[in-house]
Amino acid sequence: MGGFAAGAVVAVAVGFAMQNILQNFVSGVILLAERSITESDILEVNGRIVQVKKMGTRATVARTRDEEEIIIPNSSLVQSSVTNF
């Protein structure tokens, strides 16, 4: 019985992880198809000003004013308020 419960917990965890990955992938496809955000765009995301360096199907790489590179999940760009300067 303990093995079944452990297996169920692992299955639920994998399900949640796959849901997040699929959500970011679909968001990436939408962003790439719409071209509403492109490389070199200046954005305000979650209160930070960033410049888009690379867009992928799962995440977008951006550089901050402090020259830090950050990885932004594409679902964040689709679901939250983003200002494109």
PDB file of N, CA and C in Angstrom:
ATOM      1  N   MET A   1       0.820  -1.194   0.000  1.00  0.00           N
ATOM      2  CA  MET A   1       0.000   0.000   0.000  1.00  0.00           C
ATOM      3  C   MET A   1       0.861   1.254   0.000  1.00  0.00           C
ATOM      4  N   GLY A   2       2.012   1.250   0.709  1.00  0.00           N
ATOM      5  CA  GLY A   2       2.891   2.407   0.763  1.00  0.00           C
ATOM      6  C   GLY A   2       3.499   2.722  -0.590  1.00  0.00           C
ATOM      7  N   GLY A   3       3.808   1.687  -1.386  1.00  0.00           N
ATOM      8  CA  GLY A   3       4.368   1.901  -2.721  1.00  0.00           C
ATOM      9  C   GLY A   3       3.381   2.575  -3.649  1.00  0.00           C
ATOM     10  N   PHE A   4       2.098   2.204  -3.493  1.00  0.00           N
ATOM     11  CA  PHE A   4       1.058   2.806  -4.322  1.00  0.00           C
ATOM     12  C   PHE A   4       0.919   4.292  -4.009  1.00  0.00           C
ATOM     13  N   ALA A   5       0.933   4.639  -2.723  1.00  0.00           N
ATOM     14  CA  ALA A   5       0.791   6.044  -2.316  1.00  0.00           C
ATOM     15  C   ALA A   5       1.986   6.860  -2.803  1.00  0.00           C
ATOM     16  N   ALA A   6       3.191   6.304  -2.683  1.00  0.00           N
ATOM     17  CA  ALA A   6       4.386   7.012  -3.150  1.00  0.00           C
ATOM     18  C   ALA A   6       4.321   7.205  -4.664  1.00  0.00           C
ATOM     19  N   GLY A   7       3.867   6.194  -5.373  1.00  0.00           N
ATOM     20  CA  GLY A   7       3.734   6.295  -6.828  1.00  0.00           C
ATOM     21  C   GLY A   7       2.716   7.347  -7.232  1.00  0.00           C
ATOM     22  N   ALA A   8       1.624   7.430  -6.471  1.00  0.00           N
ATOM     23  CA  ALA A   8       0.591   8.425  -6.756  1.00  0.00           C
ATOM     24  C   ALA A   8       1.128   9.837  -6.537  1.00  0.00           C
ATOM     25  N   VAL A   9       1.905  10.026  -5.475  1.00  0.00           N
ATOM     26  CA  VAL A   9       2.490  11.340  -5.197  1.00  0.00           C
ATOM     27  C   VAL A   9       3.446  11.738  -6.321  1.00  0.00           C
ATOM     28  N   VAL A  10       4.267  10.793  -6.769  1.00  0.00           N
ATOM     29  CA  VAL A  10       5.203  11.071  -7.866  1.00  0.00           C
ATOM     30  C   VAL A  10       4.434  11.403  -9.141  1.00  0.00           C
ATOM     31  N   ALA A  11       3.358  10.669  -9.417  1.00  0.00           N
ATOM     32  CA  ALA A  11       2.561  10.924 -10.624  1.00  0.00           C
ATOM     33  C   ALA A  11       1.939  12.313 -10.590  1.00  0.00           C
ATOM     34  N   VAL A  12       1.449  12.726  -9.428  1.00  0.00           N
ATOM     35  CA  VAL A  12       0.855  14.063  -9.304  1.00  0.00           C
ATOM     36  C   VAL A  12       1.924  15.132  -9.493  1.00  0.00           C
ATOM     37  N   ALA A  13       3.099  14.940  -8.909  1.00  0.00           N
ATOM     38  CA  ALA A  13       4.194  15.908  -9.044  1.00  0.00           C
ATOM     39  C   ALA A  13       4.623  16.035 -10.503  1.00  0.00           C
ATOM     40  N   VAL A  14       4.760  14.910 -11.184  1.00  0.00           N
ATOM     41  CA  VAL A  14       5.142  14.936 -12.602  1.00  0.00           C
ATOM     42  C   VAL A  14       4.050  15.621 -13.425  1.00  0.00           C
ATOM     43  N   GLY A  15       2.802  15.376 -13.081  1.00  0.00           N
ATOM     44  CA  GLY A  15       1.690  16.019 -13.786  1.00  0.00           C
ATOM     45  C   GLY A  15       1.730  17.529 -13.670  1.00  0.00           C
ATOM     46  N   PHE A  16       1.990  18.035 -12.467  1.00  0.00           N
ATOM     47  CA  PHE A  16       2.087  19.487 -12.270  1.00  0.00           C
ATOM     48  C   PHE A  16       3.279  20.066 -13.027  1.00  0.00           C
ATOM     49  N   ALA A  17       4.407  19.375 -13.010  1.00  0.00           N
ATOM     50  CA  ALA A  17       5.595  19.852 -13.733  1.00  0.00           C
ATOM     51  C   ALA A  17       5.325  19.891 -15.233  1.00  0.00           C
ATOM     52  N   MET A  18       4.697  18.876 -15.759  1.00  0.00           N
ATOM     53  CA  MET A  18       4.400  18.836 -17.193  1.00  0.00           C
ATOM     54  C   MET A  18       3.399  19.923 -17.575  1.00  0.00           C
ATOM     55  N   GLN A  19       2.463  20.207 -16.692  1.00  0.00           N
ATOM     56  CA  GLN A  19       1.492  21.263 -16.967  1.00  0.00           C
ATOM     57  C   GLN A  19       2.203  22.609 -17.108  1.00  0.00           C
ATOM     58  N   ASN A  20       3.160  22.885 -16.225  1.00  0.00           N
ATOM     59  CA  ASN A  20       3.913  24.137 -16.260  1.00  0.00           C
ATOM     60  C   ASN A  20       4.756  24.219 -17.530  1.00  0.00           C
ATOM     61  N   ILE A  21       5.418  23.137 -17.887  1.00  0.00           N
ATOM     62  CA  ILE A  21       6.240  23.112 -19.109  1.00  0.00           C
ATOM     63  C   ILE A  21       5.369  23.329 -20.336  1.00  0.00           C
ATOM     64  N   LEU A  22       4.226  22.654 -20.395  1.00  0.00           N
ATOM     65  CA  LEU A  22       3.316  22.804 -21.535  1.00  0.00           C
ATOM     66  C   LEU A  22       2.764  24.220 -21.613  1.00  0.00           C
ATOM     67  N   GLN A  23       2.451  24.799 -20.460  1.00  0.00           N
ATOM     68  CA  GLN A  23       1.937  26.172 -20.428  1.00  0.00           C
ATOM     69  C   GLN A  23       2.977  27.150 -20.984  1.00  0.00           C
ATOM     70  N   ASN A  24       4.250  26.995 -20.588  1.00  0.00           N
ATOM     71  CA  ASN A  24       5.309  27.868 -21.096  1.00  0.00           C
ATOM     72  C   ASN A  24       5.542  27.640 -22.584  1.00  0.00           C
ATOM     73  N   PHE A  25       5.453  26.395 -23.042  1.00  0.00           N
ATOM     74  CA  PHE A  25       5.650  26.090 -24.458  1.00  0.00           C
ATOM     75  C   PHE A  25       4.548  26.731 -25.311  1.00  0.00           C
ATOM     76  N   VAL A  26       3.300  26.564 -24.901  1.00  0.00           N
ATOM     77  CA  VAL A  26       2.185  27.151 -25.658  1.00  0.00           C
ATOM     78  C   VAL A  26       2.302  28.676 -25.664  1.00  0.00           C
ATOM     79  N   SER A  27       2.671  29.260 -24.526  1.00  0.00           N
ATOM     80  CA  SER A  27       2.859  30.715 -24.465  1.00  0.00           C
ATOM     81  C   SER A  27       3.975  31.155 -25.407  1.00  0.00           C
ATOM     82  N   GLY A  28       5.056  30.376 -25.480  1.00  0.00           N
ATOM     83  CA  GLY A  28       6.158  30.690 -26.390  1.00  0.00           C
ATOM     84  C   GLY A  28       5.735  30.658 -27.839  1.00  0.00           C
ATOM     85  N   VAL A  29       4.936  29.666 -28.192  1.00  0.00           N
ATOM     86  CA  VAL A  29       4.443  29.566 -29.573  1.00  0.00           C
ATOM     87  C   VAL A  29       3.569  30.778 -29.893  1.00  0.00           C
ATOM     88  N   ILE A  30       2.721  31.180 -28.952  1.00  0.00           N
ATOM     89  CA  ILE A  30       1.869  32.360 -29.161  1.00  0.00           C
ATOM     90  C   ILE A  30       2.721  33.608 -29.361  1.00  0.00           C
ATOM     91  N   LEU A  31       3.716  33.814 -28.499  1.00  0.00           N
ATOM     92  CA  LEU A  31       4.575  34.998 -28.615  1.00  0.00           C
ATOM     93  C   LEU A  31       5.349  35.015 -29.927  1.00  0.00           C
ATOM     94  N   LEU A  32       5.877  33.863 -30.319  1.00  0.00           N
ATOM     95  CA  LEU A  32       6.647  33.800 -31.561  1.00  0.00           C
ATOM     96  C   LEU A  32       5.754  33.987 -32.782  1.00  0.00           C
ATOM     97  N   ALA A  33       4.518  33.494 -32.722  1.00  0.00           N
ATOM     98  CA  ALA A  33       3.601  33.626 -33.856  1.00  0.00           C
ATOM     99  C   ALA A  33       3.070  35.053 -33.977  1.00  0.00           C
ATOM    100  N   GLU A  34       2.710  35.662 -32.868  1.00  0.00           N
ATOM    101  CA  GLU A  34       2.150  37.016 -32.894  1.00  0.00           C
ATOM    102  C   GLU A  34       3.202  38.091 -33.123  1.00  0.00           C
ATOM    103  N   ARG A  35       4.448  37.809 -32.724  1.00  0.00           N
ATOM    104  CA  ARG A  35       5.554  38.770 -32.833  1.00  0.00           C
ATOM    105  C   ARG A  35       5.245  40.070 -32.097  1.00  0.00           C
ATOM    106  N   SER A  36       4.457  39.986 -31.007  1.00  0.00           N
ATOM    107  CA  SER A  36       4.157  41.173 -30.211  1.00  0.00           C
ATOM    108  C   SER A  36       5.375  41.604 -29.395  1.00  0.00           C
ATOM    109  N   ILE A  37       6.271  40.661 -29.120  1.00  0.00           N
ATOM    110  CA  ILE A  37       7.545  40.940 -28.461  1.00  0.00           C
ATOM    111  C   ILE A  37       8.629  40.334 -29.336  1.00  0.00           C
ATOM    112  N   THR A  38       9.652  41.129 -29.634  1.00  0.00           N
ATOM    113  CA  THR A  38      10.749  40.635 -30.468  1.00  0.00           C
ATOM    114  C   THR A  38      12.087  40.893 -29.772  1.00  0.00           C
ATOM    115  N   GLU A  39      13.117  40.265 -30.283  1.00  0.00           N
ATOM    116  CA  GLU A  39      14.454  40.473 -29.734  1.00  0.00           C
ATOM    117  C   GLU A  39      14.845  41.935 -29.873  1.00  0.00           C
ATOM    118  N   SER A  40      15.491  42.450 -28.882  1.00  0.00           N
ATOM    119  CA  SER A  40      15.952  43.831 -28.729  1.00  0.00           C
ATOM    120  C   SER A  40      14.861  44.772 -28.202  1.00  0.00           C
ATOM    121  N   ASP A  41      13.621  44.293 -28.016  1.00  0.00           N
ATOM    122  CA  ASP A  41      12.577  45.129 -27.411  1.00  0.00           C
ATOM    123  C   ASP A  41      12.943  45.449 -25.970  1.00  0.00           C
ATOM    124  N   ILE A  42      12.540  46.633 -25.518  1.00  0.00           N
ATOM    125  CA  ILE A  42      12.706  47.048 -24.127  1.00  0.00           C
ATOM    126  C   ILE A  42      11.352  46.854 -23.447  1.00  0.00           C
ATOM    127  N   LEU A  43      11.343  46.078 -22.357  1.00  0.00           N
ATOM    128  CA  LEU A  43      10.103  45.754 -21.668  1.00  0.00           C
ATOM    129  C   LEU A  43      10.188  46.125 -20.197  1.00  0.00           C
ATOM    130  N   GLU A  44       9.028  46.350 -19.608  1.00  0.00           N
ATOM    131  CA  GLU A  44       8.932  46.411 -18.156  1.00  0.00           C
ATOM    132  C   GLU A  44       8.146  45.182 -17.736  1.00  0.00           C
ATOM    133  N   VAL A  45       8.811  44.305 -16.986  1.00  0.00           N
ATOM    134  CA  VAL A  45       8.216  43.052 -16.538  1.00  0.00           C
ATOM    135  C   VAL A  45       8.386  42.970 -15.031  1.00  0.00           C
ATOM    136  N   ASN A  46       7.287  42.853 -14.323  1.00  0.00           N
ATOM    137  CA  ASN A  46       7.327  42.754 -12.856  1.00  0.00           C
ATOM    138  C   ASN A  46       8.140  43.889 -12.230  1.00  0.00           C
ATOM    139  N   GLY A  47       7.995  45.093 -12.755  1.00  0.00           N
ATOM    140  CA  GLY A  47       8.675  46.257 -12.196  1.00  0.00           C
ATOM    141  C   GLY A  47      10.124  46.422 -12.608  1.00  0.00           C
ATOM    142  N   ARG A  48      10.634  45.563 -13.474  1.00  0.00           N
ATOM    143  CA  ARG A  48      12.031  45.653 -13.926  1.00  0.00           C
ATOM    144  C   ARG A  48      12.065  46.005 -15.412  1.00  0.00           C
ATOM    145  N   ILE A  49      12.977  46.896 -15.772  1.00  0.00           N
ATOM    146  CA  ILE A  49      13.193  47.252 -17.173  1.00  0.00           C
ATOM    147  C   ILE A  49      14.243  46.288 -17.730  1.00  0.00           C
ATOM    148  N   VAL A  50      13.901  45.602 -18.815  1.00  0.00           N
ATOM    149  CA  VAL A  50      14.811  44.614 -19.407  1.00  0.00           C
ATOM    150  C   VAL A  50      14.819  44.771 -20.927  1.00  0.00           C
ATOM    151  N   GLN A  51      15.890  44.280 -21.540  1.00  0.00           N
ATOM    152  CA  GLN A  51      15.967  44.219 -22.996  1.00  0.00           C
ATOM    153  C   GLN A  51      15.985  42.751 -23.400  1.00  0.00           C
ATOM    154  N   VAL A  52      15.102  42.396 -24.316  1.00  0.00           N
ATOM    155  CA  VAL A  52      14.993  41.013 -24.774  1.00  0.00           C
ATOM    156  C   VAL A  52      16.230  40.666 -25.601  1.00  0.00           C
ATOM    157  N   LYS A  53      16.891  39.584 -25.237  1.00  0.00           N
ATOM    158  CA  LYS A  53      18.084  39.121 -25.958  1.00  0.00           C
ATOM    159  C   LYS A  53      17.786  37.911 -26.824  1.00  0.00           C
ATOM    160  N   LYS A  54      16.986  36.992 -26.323  1.00  0.00           N
ATOM    161  CA  LYS A  54      16.691  35.767 -27.068  1.00  0.00           C
ATOM    162  C   LYS A  54      15.329  35.245 -26.658  1.00  0.00           C
ATOM    163  N   MET A  55      14.545  34.843 -27.649  1.00  0.00           N
ATOM    164  CA  MET A  55      13.234  34.269 -27.376  1.00  0.00           C
ATOM    165  C   MET A  55      13.234  32.806 -27.785  1.00  0.00           C
ATOM    166  N   GLY A  56      12.755  31.977 -26.904  1.00  0.00           N
ATOM    167  CA  GLY A  56      12.637  30.557 -27.192  1.00  0.00           C
ATOM    168  C   GLY A  56      11.209  30.107 -26.990  1.00  0.00           C
ATOM    169  N   THR A  57      10.961  28.822 -27.221  1.00  0.00           N
ATOM    170  CA  THR A  57       9.603  28.319 -27.065  1.00  0.00           C
ATOM    171  C   THR A  57       9.207  28.154 -25.610  1.00  0.00           C
ATOM    172  N   ARG A  58      10.174  28.025 -24.696  1.00  0.00           N
ATOM    173  CA  ARG A  58       9.860  27.835 -23.280  1.00  0.00           C
ATOM    174  C   ARG A  58      10.091  29.095 -22.458  1.00  0.00           C
ATOM    175  N   ALA A  59      11.124  29.855 -22.793  1.00  0.00           N
ATOM    176  CA  ALA A  59      11.483  31.020 -21.985  1.00  0.00           C
ATOM    177  C   ALA A  59      12.130  32.095 -22.850  1.00  0.00           C
ATOM    178  N   THR A  60      12.199  33.289 -22.287  1.00  0.00           N
ATOM    179  CA  THR A  60      12.834  34.428 -22.937  1.00  0.00           C
ATOM    180  C   THR A  60      14.001  34.875 -22.072  1.00  0.00           C
ATOM    181  N   VAL A  61      15.146  35.121 -22.700  1.00  0.00           N
ATOM    182  CA  VAL A  61      16.321  35.613 -21.986  1.00  0.00           C
ATOM    183  C   VAL A  61      16.374  37.124 -22.188  1.00  0.00           C
ATOM    184  N   ALA A  62      16.515  37.848 -21.083  1.00  0.00           N
ATOM    185  CA  ALA A  62      16.548  39.308 -21.135  1.00  0.00           C
ATOM    186  C   ALA A  62      17.693  39.813 -20.275  1.00  0.00           C
ATOM    187  N   ARG A  63      18.139  41.037 -20.562  1.00  0.00           N
ATOM    188  CA  ARG A  63      19.227  41.664 -19.810  1.00  0.00           C
ATOM    189  C   ARG A  63      18.668  42.874 -19.075  1.00  0.00           C
ATOM    190  N   THR A  64      19.015  42.991 -17.802  1.00  0.00           N
ATOM    191  CA  THR A  64      18.562  44.115 -16.987  1.00  0.00           C
ATOM    192  C   THR A  64      19.497  45.312 -17.192  1.00  0.00           C
ATOM    193  N   ARG A  65      19.139  46.430 -16.594  1.00  0.00           N
ATOM    194  CA  ARG A  65      19.997  47.627 -16.652  1.00  0.00           C
ATOM    195  C   ARG A  65      21.337  47.388 -15.969  1.00  0.00           C
ATOM    196  N   ASP A  66      21.370  46.457 -15.026  1.00  0.00           N
ATOM    197  CA  ASP A  66      22.603  46.116 -14.306  1.00  0.00           C
ATOM    198  C   ASP A  66      23.426  45.061 -15.040  1.00  0.00           C
ATOM    199  N   GLU A  67      23.077  44.807 -16.303  1.00  0.00           N
ATOM    200  CA  GLU A  67      23.781  43.829 -17.145  1.00  0.00           C
ATOM    201  C   GLU A  67      23.640  42.390 -16.638  1.00  0.00           C
ATOM    202  N   GLU A  68      22.581  42.107 -15.904  1.00  0.00           N
ATOM    203  CA  GLU A  68      22.293  40.746 -15.479  1.00  0.00           C
ATOM    204  C   GLU A  68      21.384  40.104 -16.515  1.00  0.00           C
ATOM    205  N   GLU A  69      21.657  38.860 -16.842  1.00  0.00           N
ATOM    206  CA  GLU A  69      20.763  38.133 -17.729  1.00  0.00           C
ATOM    207  C   GLU A  69      19.784  37.344 -16.885  1.00  0.00           C
ATOM    208  N   ILE A  70      18.502  37.492 -17.209  1.00  0.00           N
ATOM    209  CA  ILE A  70      17.474  36.758 -16.486  1.00  0.00           C
ATOM    210  C   ILE A  70      16.665  35.924 -17.474  1.00  0.00           C
ATOM    211  N   ILE A  71      16.128  34.842 -16.985  1.00  0.00           N
ATOM    212  CA  ILE A  71      15.292  33.966 -17.793  1.00  0.00           C
ATOM    213  C   ILE A  71      13.855  34.167 -17.330  1.00  0.00           C
ATOM    214  N   ILE A  72      12.997  34.551 -18.259  1.00  0.00           N
ATOM    215  CA  ILE A  72      11.597  34.820 -17.953  1.00  0.00           C
ATOM    216  C   ILE A  72      10.755  33.723 -18.600  1.00  0.00           C
ATOM    217  N   PRO A  73      10.005  32.959 -17.813  1.00  0.00           N
ATOM    218  CA  PRO A  73       9.114  31.969 -18.419  1.00  0.00           C
ATOM    219  C   PRO A  73       8.113  32.669 -19.338  1.00  0.00           C
ATOM    220  N   ASN A  74       7.872  32.106 -20.510  1.00  0.00           N
ATOM    221  CA  ASN A  74       6.986  32.757 -21.465  1.00  0.00           C
ATOM    222  C   ASN A  74       5.565  32.916 -20.940  1.00  0.00           C
ATOM    223  N   SER A  75       5.128  32.032 -20.066  1.00  0.00           N
ATOM    224  CA  SER A  75       3.778  32.178 -19.517  1.00  0.00           C
ATOM    225  C   SER A  75       3.661  33.473 -18.718  1.00  0.00           C
ATOM    226  N   SER A  76       4.752  33.933 -18.101  1.00  0.00           N
ATOM    227  CA  SER A  76       4.729  35.213 -17.375  1.00  0.00           C
ATOM    228  C   SER A  76       4.497  36.378 -18.326  1.00  0.00           C
ATOM    229  N   LEU A  77       5.080  36.304 -19.513  1.00  0.00           N
ATOM    230  CA  LEU A  77       4.921  37.383 -20.489  1.00  0.00           C
ATOM    231  C   LEU A  77       3.506  37.424 -21.064  1.00  0.00           C
ATOM    232  N   VAL A  78       2.859  36.266 -21.131  1.00  0.00           N
ATOM    233  CA  VAL A  78       1.511  36.205 -21.694  1.00  0.00           C
ATOM    234  C   VAL A  78       0.458  36.525 -20.642  1.00  0.00           C
ATOM    235  N   GLN A  79       0.673  36.087 -19.410  1.00  0.00           N
ATOM    236  CA  GLN A  79      -0.367  36.208 -18.383  1.00  0.00           C
ATOM    237  C   GLN A  79      -0.289  37.475 -17.554  1.00  0.00           C
ATOM    238  N   SER A  80       0.872  38.139 -17.496  1.00  0.00           N
ATOM    239  CA  SER A  80       0.983  39.324 -16.655  1.00  0.00           C
ATOM    240  C   SER A  80       1.008  40.580 -17.517  1.00  0.00           C
ATOM    241  N   SER A  81       0.939  41.708 -16.849  1.00  0.00           N
ATOM    242  CA  SER A  81       0.986  42.988 -17.541  1.00  0.00           C
ATOM    243  C   SER A  81       2.422  43.323 -17.920  1.00  0.00           C
ATOM    244  N   VAL A  82       2.669  43.530 -19.207  1.00  0.00           N
ATOM    245  CA  VAL A  82       4.001  43.824 -19.721  1.00  0.00           C
ATOM    246  C   VAL A  82       3.913  45.098 -20.555  1.00  0.00           C
ATOM    247  N   THR A  83       4.809  46.049 -20.284  1.00  0.00           N
ATOM    248  CA  THR A  83       4.879  47.262 -21.082  1.00  0.00           C
ATOM    249  C   THR A  83       6.009  47.135 -22.081  1.00  0.00           C
ATOM    250  N   ASN A  84       5.713  47.355 -23.355  1.00  0.00           N
ATOM    251  CA  ASN A  84       6.713  47.295 -24.423  1.00  0.00           C
ATOM    252  C   ASN A  84       7.010  48.723 -24.858  1.00  0.00           C
ATOM    253  N   PHE A  85       8.230  49.201 -24.550  1.00  0.00           N
ATOM    254  CA  PHE A  85       8.599  50.572 -24.892  1.00  0.00           C
ATOM    255  C   PHE A  85       8.966  50.622 -26.317  1.00  0.00           C
TER     256      PHE A  85
END
